[in-house]
Protein backbone atom coordinates (compact mmCIF):
# COMPACT_ATOMS: atom_id res chain seq x y z
CA UNK A 1 0.00 0.00 0.00
CA UNK A 2 1.18 3.47 -0.83
CA UNK A 3 1.39 6.13 1.94
CA UNK A 4 -1.36 8.16 0.24
CA UNK A 5 -3.67 5.15 0.29
CA UNK A 6 -3.00 4.56 3.99
CA UNK A 7 -3.85 8.18 4.81
CA UNK A 8 -7.04 7.91 2.74
CA UNK A 9 -8.02 4.63 4.44
CA UNK A 10 -7.40 5.97 7.97
CA UNK A 11 -9.27 9.22 7.31
CA UNK A 12 -12.19 7.28 5.77
CA UNK A 13 -12.37 5.00 8.82
CA UNK A 14 -12.26 7.98 11.20
CA UNK A 15 -14.98 9.81 9.26
CA UNK A 16 -17.12 6.67 9.17
CA UNK A 17 -16.68 6.10 12.90
CA UNK A 18 -17.63 9.71 13.63
CA UNK A 19 -20.78 9.48 11.52
CA UNK A 20 -21.67 6.12 13.06
CA UNK A 21 -21.26 7.52 16.59
CA UNK A 22 -23.42 10.57 15.80
CA UNK A 23 -26.20 8.44 14.30
CA UNK A 24 -26.04 6.00 17.22
CA UNK A 25 -26.09 8.81 19.82
CA UNK A 26 -29.01 10.52 18.06
CA UNK A 27 -30.97 7.26 18.15
CA UNK A 28 -30.20 6.71 21.83
CA UNK A 29 -31.30 10.28 22.70
CA UNK A 30 -34.52 9.89 20.73
CA UNK A 31 -35.21 6.60 22.50
CA UNK A 32 -34.62 8.25 25.91
CA UNK A 33 -36.90 11.16 25.02
CA UNK A 34 -39.65 8.80 23.91
CA UNK A 35 -39.34 6.40 26.85
CA UNK A 36 -39.36 9.21 29.43
CA UNK A 37 -42.31 11.07 27.94
CA UNK A 38 -40.28 14.13 26.94
CA UNK A 39 -41.40 13.82 23.31
CA UNK A 40 -45.04 14.01 24.43
CA UNK A 41 -44.35 17.63 25.41
CA UNK A 42 -43.09 18.78 22.00
CA UNK A 43 -46.18 20.97 21.55
CA UNK A 44 -44.55 23.26 24.13
CA UNK A 45 -41.30 23.81 22.19
CA UNK A 46 -39.82 27.20 22.90
CA UNK A 47 -36.39 28.47 21.86
CA UNK A 48 -36.60 31.04 24.68
CA UNK A 49 -37.09 28.43 27.43
CA UNK A 50 -33.49 28.71 28.61
CA UNK A 51 -33.81 32.46 29.11
CA UNK A 52 -35.43 33.77 32.24
CA UNK A 53 -34.54 33.46 35.90
CA UNK A 54 -32.90 30.14 36.72
CA UNK A 55 -35.13 28.18 39.07
CA UNK A 56 -32.85 25.21 39.53
CA UNK A 57 -30.30 22.93 37.92
CA UNK A 58 -30.89 19.79 40.01
CA UNK A 59 -28.32 17.02 40.19
CA UNK A 60 -30.93 14.42 39.23
CA UNK A 61 -34.21 14.71 37.30
CA UNK A 62 -36.40 11.79 36.21
CA UNK A 63 -38.72 11.98 33.22
CA UNK A 64 -40.82 8.87 33.49
CA UNK A 65 -38.32 6.08 34.00
CA UNK A 66 -35.38 7.96 32.46
CA UNK A 67 -32.84 9.57 34.80
CA UNK A 68 -30.83 12.63 33.79
CA UNK A 69 -27.86 13.31 36.10
CA UNK A 70 -25.14 15.87 36.48
CA UNK A 71 -27.22 19.02 36.07
CA UNK A 72 -28.29 17.96 32.59
CA UNK A 73 -31.60 19.80 33.07
CA UNK A 74 -32.01 23.51 33.80
CA UNK A 75 -35.38 24.82 34.91
CA UNK A 76 -36.36 28.46 34.45
CA UNK A 77 -39.31 30.49 35.66
CA UNK A 78 -40.81 32.40 32.76
CA UNK A 79 -44.00 34.47 32.91
CA UNK A 80 -45.66 32.11 30.44
CA UNK A 81 -44.55 28.86 32.08
CA UNK A 82 -41.90 26.49 33.36
CA UNK A 83 -38.87 26.51 31.06
CA UNK A 84 -37.08 23.19 30.62
CA UNK A 85 -33.65 23.27 28.99
CA UNK A 86 -31.61 20.12 28.40
CA UNK A 87 -27.85 20.01 27.81
CA UNK A 88 -27.11 20.35 24.11
CA UNK A 89 -25.58 16.88 24.04
CA UNK A 90 -29.11 15.47 24.34
CA UNK A 91 -30.27 15.83 20.77
CA UNK A 92 -34.01 15.16 20.33
CA UNK A 93 -34.62 17.13 23.56
CA UNK A 94 -35.60 20.65 22.42
CA UNK A 95 -36.19 23.43 24.94
CA UNK A 96 -39.72 23.49 26.31
CA UNK A 97 -41.91 26.05 28.06
CA UNK A 98 -44.87 24.33 29.73
CA UNK A 99 -47.66 26.80 30.67
CA UNK A 100 -48.16 27.20 34.41
CA UNK A 101 -51.75 25.91 34.22
CA UNK A 102 -50.32 22.64 32.85
CA UNK A 103 -47.82 22.23 35.74
CA UNK A 104 -48.93 20.45 38.91
CA UNK A 105 -46.70 19.65 41.88
CA UNK A 106 -47.69 16.28 43.34
CA UNK A 107 -46.58 14.08 46.17
CA UNK A 108 -43.22 12.71 47.13
CA UNK A 109 -42.04 9.28 46.08
CA UNK A 110 -38.83 7.25 46.06
CA UNK A 111 -37.41 9.26 43.11
CA UNK A 112 -38.38 12.67 44.49
CA UNK A 113 -41.43 14.89 44.19
CA UNK A 114 -43.60 14.33 41.13
CA UNK A 115 -44.22 17.38 38.95
CA UNK A 116 -46.93 16.48 36.44
CA UNK A 117 -46.59 18.25 33.11
CA UNK A 118 -49.55 18.53 30.74
CA UNK A 119 -51.57 16.15 32.88
CA UNK A 120 -49.64 12.98 32.08
CA UNK A 121 -45.83 13.36 31.92
CA UNK A 122 -44.18 12.95 35.32
CA UNK A 123 -40.94 14.74 36.10
CA UNK A 124 -39.45 13.78 39.48
CA UNK A 125 -37.26 16.38 41.17
CA UNK A 126 -35.78 16.92 44.65
CA UNK A 127 -38.08 18.53 47.27
CA UNK A 128 -36.36 21.95 47.18
CA UNK A 129 -36.77 22.12 43.40
CA UNK A 130 -40.45 21.17 43.64
CA UNK A 131 -40.94 23.91 46.25
CA UNK A 132 -39.26 26.46 43.95
CA UNK A 133 -41.52 25.37 41.06
CA UNK A 134 -44.63 25.67 43.27
CA UNK A 135 -43.61 29.16 44.45
CA UNK A 136 -42.88 30.33 40.90
CA UNK A 137 -46.18 28.88 39.70
CA UNK A 138 -48.08 30.79 42.39
CA UNK A 139 -46.14 34.02 41.81
CA UNK A 140 -46.21 34.05 37.99
CA UNK A 141 -49.56 32.48 37.27
C-alpha atoms as a PDB file:
ATOM      1  CA  UNK A   1       0.000   0.000   0.000  1.00  0.00           C
ATOM      2  CA  UNK A   2       1.175   3.473  -0.827  1.00  0.00           C
ATOM      3  CA  UNK A   3       1.386   6.130   1.944  1.00  0.00           C
ATOM      4  CA  UNK A   4      -1.359   8.162   0.238  1.00  0.00           C
ATOM      5  CA  UNK A   5      -3.673   5.148   0.294  1.00  0.00           C
ATOM      6  CA  UNK A   6      -3.005   4.558   3.995  1.00  0.00           C
ATOM      7  CA  UNK A   7      -3.854   8.181   4.812  1.00  0.00           C
ATOM      8  CA  UNK A   8      -7.043   7.914   2.742  1.00  0.00           C
ATOM      9  CA  UNK A   9      -8.015   4.634   4.443  1.00  0.00           C
ATOM     10  CA  UNK A  10      -7.400   5.969   7.972  1.00  0.00           C
ATOM     11  CA  UNK A  11      -9.274   9.222   7.305  1.00  0.00           C
ATOM     12  CA  UNK A  12     -12.190   7.283   5.773  1.00  0.00           C
ATOM     13  CA  UNK A  13     -12.365   5.001   8.820  1.00  0.00           C
ATOM     14  CA  UNK A  14     -12.263   7.984  11.200  1.00  0.00           C
ATOM     15  CA  UNK A  15     -14.976   9.809   9.262  1.00  0.00           C
ATOM     16  CA  UNK A  16     -17.125   6.670   9.168  1.00  0.00           C
ATOM     17  CA  UNK A  17     -16.677   6.100  12.901  1.00  0.00           C
ATOM     18  CA  UNK A  18     -17.634   9.709  13.631  1.00  0.00           C
ATOM     19  CA  UNK A  19     -20.780   9.482  11.515  1.00  0.00           C
ATOM     20  CA  UNK A  20     -21.668   6.120  13.064  1.00  0.00           C
ATOM     21  CA  UNK A  21     -21.262   7.518  16.587  1.00  0.00           C
ATOM     22  CA  UNK A  22     -23.420  10.570  15.795  1.00  0.00           C
ATOM     23  CA  UNK A  23     -26.201   8.436  14.297  1.00  0.00           C
ATOM     24  CA  UNK A  24     -26.036   5.997  17.224  1.00  0.00           C
ATOM     25  CA  UNK A  25     -26.090   8.809  19.823  1.00  0.00           C
ATOM     26  CA  UNK A  26     -29.012  10.517  18.058  1.00  0.00           C
ATOM     27  CA  UNK A  27     -30.972   7.264  18.147  1.00  0.00           C
ATOM     28  CA  UNK A  28     -30.201   6.714  21.829  1.00  0.00           C
ATOM     29  CA  UNK A  29     -31.297  10.279  22.695  1.00  0.00           C
ATOM     30  CA  UNK A  30     -34.521   9.889  20.727  1.00  0.00           C
ATOM     31  CA  UNK A  31     -35.213   6.603  22.499  1.00  0.00           C
ATOM     32  CA  UNK A  32     -34.618   8.247  25.909  1.00  0.00           C
ATOM     33  CA  UNK A  33     -36.898  11.164  25.024  1.00  0.00           C
ATOM     34  CA  UNK A  34     -39.647   8.798  23.905  1.00  0.00           C
ATOM     35  CA  UNK A  35     -39.338   6.404  26.853  1.00  0.00           C
ATOM     36  CA  UNK A  36     -39.361   9.208  29.432  1.00  0.00           C
ATOM     37  CA  UNK A  37     -42.305  11.073  27.940  1.00  0.00           C
ATOM     38  CA  UNK A  38     -40.280  14.134  26.942  1.00  0.00           C
ATOM     39  CA  UNK A  39     -41.401  13.816  23.314  1.00  0.00           C
ATOM     40  CA  UNK A  40     -45.040  14.014  24.431  1.00  0.00           C
ATOM     41  CA  UNK A  41     -44.348  17.634  25.406  1.00  0.00           C
ATOM     42  CA  UNK A  42     -43.089  18.777  21.995  1.00  0.00           C
ATOM     43  CA  UNK A  43     -46.181  20.967  21.553  1.00  0.00           C
ATOM     44  CA  UNK A  44     -44.546  23.264  24.131  1.00  0.00           C
ATOM     45  CA  UNK A  45     -41.296  23.815  22.193  1.00  0.00           C
ATOM     46  CA  UNK A  46     -39.818  27.200  22.902  1.00  0.00           C
ATOM     47  CA  UNK A  47     -36.394  28.473  21.856  1.00  0.00           C
ATOM     48  CA  UNK A  48     -36.604  31.040  24.684  1.00  0.00           C
ATOM     49  CA  UNK A  49     -37.093  28.425  27.432  1.00  0.00           C
ATOM     50  CA  UNK A  50     -33.487  28.715  28.613  1.00  0.00           C
ATOM     51  CA  UNK A  51     -33.814  32.459  29.114  1.00  0.00           C
ATOM     52  CA  UNK A  52     -35.432  33.773  32.241  1.00  0.00           C
ATOM     53  CA  UNK A  53     -34.540  33.457  35.899  1.00  0.00           C
ATOM     54  CA  UNK A  54     -32.903  30.138  36.725  1.00  0.00           C
ATOM     55  CA  UNK A  55     -35.134  28.185  39.065  1.00  0.00           C
ATOM     56  CA  UNK A  56     -32.849  25.213  39.532  1.00  0.00           C
ATOM     57  CA  UNK A  57     -30.303  22.927  37.924  1.00  0.00           C
ATOM     58  CA  UNK A  58     -30.893  19.791  40.009  1.00  0.00           C
ATOM     59  CA  UNK A  59     -28.324  17.019  40.194  1.00  0.00           C
ATOM     60  CA  UNK A  60     -30.932  14.422  39.232  1.00  0.00           C
ATOM     61  CA  UNK A  61     -34.206  14.707  37.299  1.00  0.00           C
ATOM     62  CA  UNK A  62     -36.396  11.793  36.210  1.00  0.00           C
ATOM     63  CA  UNK A  63     -38.720  11.978  33.219  1.00  0.00           C
ATOM     64  CA  UNK A  64     -40.816   8.875  33.485  1.00  0.00           C
ATOM     65  CA  UNK A  65     -38.315   6.081  34.000  1.00  0.00           C
ATOM     66  CA  UNK A  66     -35.375   7.960  32.460  1.00  0.00           C
ATOM     67  CA  UNK A  67     -32.837   9.572  34.802  1.00  0.00           C
ATOM     68  CA  UNK A  68     -30.828  12.627  33.791  1.00  0.00           C
ATOM     69  CA  UNK A  69     -27.860  13.312  36.096  1.00  0.00           C
ATOM     70  CA  UNK A  70     -25.139  15.872  36.480  1.00  0.00           C
ATOM     71  CA  UNK A  71     -27.222  19.017  36.075  1.00  0.00           C
ATOM     72  CA  UNK A  72     -28.291  17.956  32.589  1.00  0.00           C
ATOM     73  CA  UNK A  73     -31.600  19.803  33.074  1.00  0.00           C
ATOM     74  CA  UNK A  74     -32.014  23.508  33.798  1.00  0.00           C
ATOM     75  CA  UNK A  75     -35.384  24.817  34.915  1.00  0.00           C
ATOM     76  CA  UNK A  76     -36.358  28.457  34.454  1.00  0.00           C
ATOM     77  CA  UNK A  77     -39.312  30.489  35.662  1.00  0.00           C
ATOM     78  CA  UNK A  78     -40.812  32.403  32.762  1.00  0.00           C
ATOM     79  CA  UNK A  79     -44.000  34.469  32.914  1.00  0.00           C
ATOM     80  CA  UNK A  80     -45.655  32.111  30.435  1.00  0.00           C
ATOM     81  CA  UNK A  81     -44.554  28.863  32.079  1.00  0.00           C
ATOM     82  CA  UNK A  82     -41.899  26.490  33.358  1.00  0.00           C
ATOM     83  CA  UNK A  83     -38.873  26.510  31.065  1.00  0.00           C
ATOM     84  CA  UNK A  84     -37.075  23.192  30.616  1.00  0.00           C
ATOM     85  CA  UNK A  85     -33.646  23.269  28.995  1.00  0.00           C
ATOM     86  CA  UNK A  86     -31.606  20.117  28.405  1.00  0.00           C
ATOM     87  CA  UNK A  87     -27.849  20.005  27.811  1.00  0.00           C
ATOM     88  CA  UNK A  88     -27.107  20.352  24.106  1.00  0.00           C
ATOM     89  CA  UNK A  89     -25.577  16.882  24.039  1.00  0.00           C
ATOM     90  CA  UNK A  90     -29.111  15.473  24.340  1.00  0.00           C
ATOM     91  CA  UNK A  91     -30.272  15.825  20.771  1.00  0.00           C
ATOM     92  CA  UNK A  92     -34.013  15.157  20.330  1.00  0.00           C
ATOM     93  CA  UNK A  93     -34.617  17.135  23.557  1.00  0.00           C
ATOM     94  CA  UNK A  94     -35.603  20.647  22.423  1.00  0.00           C
ATOM     95  CA  UNK A  95     -36.186  23.430  24.936  1.00  0.00           C
ATOM     96  CA  UNK A  96     -39.718  23.494  26.314  1.00  0.00           C
ATOM     97  CA  UNK A  97     -41.912  26.049  28.062  1.00  0.00           C
ATOM     98  CA  UNK A  98     -44.875  24.326  29.732  1.00  0.00           C
ATOM     99  CA  UNK A  99     -47.663  26.804  30.668  1.00  0.00           C
ATOM    100  CA  UNK A 100     -48.161  27.204  34.410  1.00  0.00           C
ATOM    101  CA  UNK A 101     -51.752  25.914  34.215  1.00  0.00           C
ATOM    102  CA  UNK A 102     -50.320  22.635  32.855  1.00  0.00           C
ATOM    103  CA  UNK A 103     -47.819  22.232  35.736  1.00  0.00           C
ATOM    104  CA  UNK A 104     -48.931  20.449  38.913  1.00  0.00           C
ATOM    105  CA  UNK A 105     -46.696  19.648  41.884  1.00  0.00           C
ATOM    106  CA  UNK A 106     -47.694  16.280  43.337  1.00  0.00           C
ATOM    107  CA  UNK A 107     -46.585  14.075  46.167  1.00  0.00           C
ATOM    108  CA  UNK A 108     -43.220  12.712  47.134  1.00  0.00           C
ATOM    109  CA  UNK A 109     -42.038   9.277  46.082  1.00  0.00           C
ATOM    110  CA  UNK A 110     -38.826   7.250  46.056  1.00  0.00           C
ATOM    111  CA  UNK A 111     -37.412   9.259  43.113  1.00  0.00           C
ATOM    112  CA  UNK A 112     -38.383  12.668  44.486  1.00  0.00           C
ATOM    113  CA  UNK A 113     -41.433  14.892  44.192  1.00  0.00           C
ATOM    114  CA  UNK A 114     -43.599  14.332  41.128  1.00  0.00           C
ATOM    115  CA  UNK A 115     -44.216  17.375  38.950  1.00  0.00           C
ATOM    116  CA  UNK A 116     -46.925  16.478  36.442  1.00  0.00           C
ATOM    117  CA  UNK A 117     -46.593  18.249  33.107  1.00  0.00           C
ATOM    118  CA  UNK A 118     -49.548  18.535  30.735  1.00  0.00           C
ATOM    119  CA  UNK A 119     -51.573  16.151  32.881  1.00  0.00           C
ATOM    120  CA  UNK A 120     -49.636  12.981  32.077  1.00  0.00           C
ATOM    121  CA  UNK A 121     -45.833  13.359  31.925  1.00  0.00           C
ATOM    122  CA  UNK A 122     -44.177  12.952  35.315  1.00  0.00           C
ATOM    123  CA  UNK A 123     -40.939  14.735  36.104  1.00  0.00           C
ATOM    124  CA  UNK A 124     -39.449  13.776  39.480  1.00  0.00           C
ATOM    125  CA  UNK A 125     -37.260  16.384  41.170  1.00  0.00           C
ATOM    126  CA  UNK A 126     -35.785  16.922  44.650  1.00  0.00           C
ATOM    127  CA  UNK A 127     -38.078  18.532  47.265  1.00  0.00           C
ATOM    128  CA  UNK A 128     -36.364  21.953  47.179  1.00  0.00           C
ATOM    129  CA  UNK A 129     -36.770  22.123  43.397  1.00  0.00           C
ATOM    130  CA  UNK A 130     -40.453  21.166  43.637  1.00  0.00           C
ATOM    131  CA  UNK A 131     -40.939  23.908  46.247  1.00  0.00           C
ATOM    132  CA  UNK A 132     -39.261  26.458  43.952  1.00  0.00           C
ATOM    133  CA  UNK A 133     -41.520  25.370  41.064  1.00  0.00           C
ATOM    134  CA  UNK A 134     -44.631  25.672  43.273  1.00  0.00           C
ATOM    135  CA  UNK A 135     -43.608  29.155  44.453  1.00  0.00           C
ATOM    136  CA  UNK A 136     -42.884  30.334  40.903  1.00  0.00           C
ATOM    137  CA  UNK A 137     -46.181  28.878  39.702  1.00  0.00           C
ATOM    138  CA  UNK A 138     -48.085  30.789  42.393  1.00  0.00           C
ATOM    139  CA  UNK A 139     -46.144  34.021  41.805  1.00  0.00           C
ATOM    140  CA  UNK A 140     -46.207  34.052  37.986  1.00  0.00           C
ATOM    141  CA  UNK A 141     -49.558  32.482  37.265  1.00  0.00           C
END
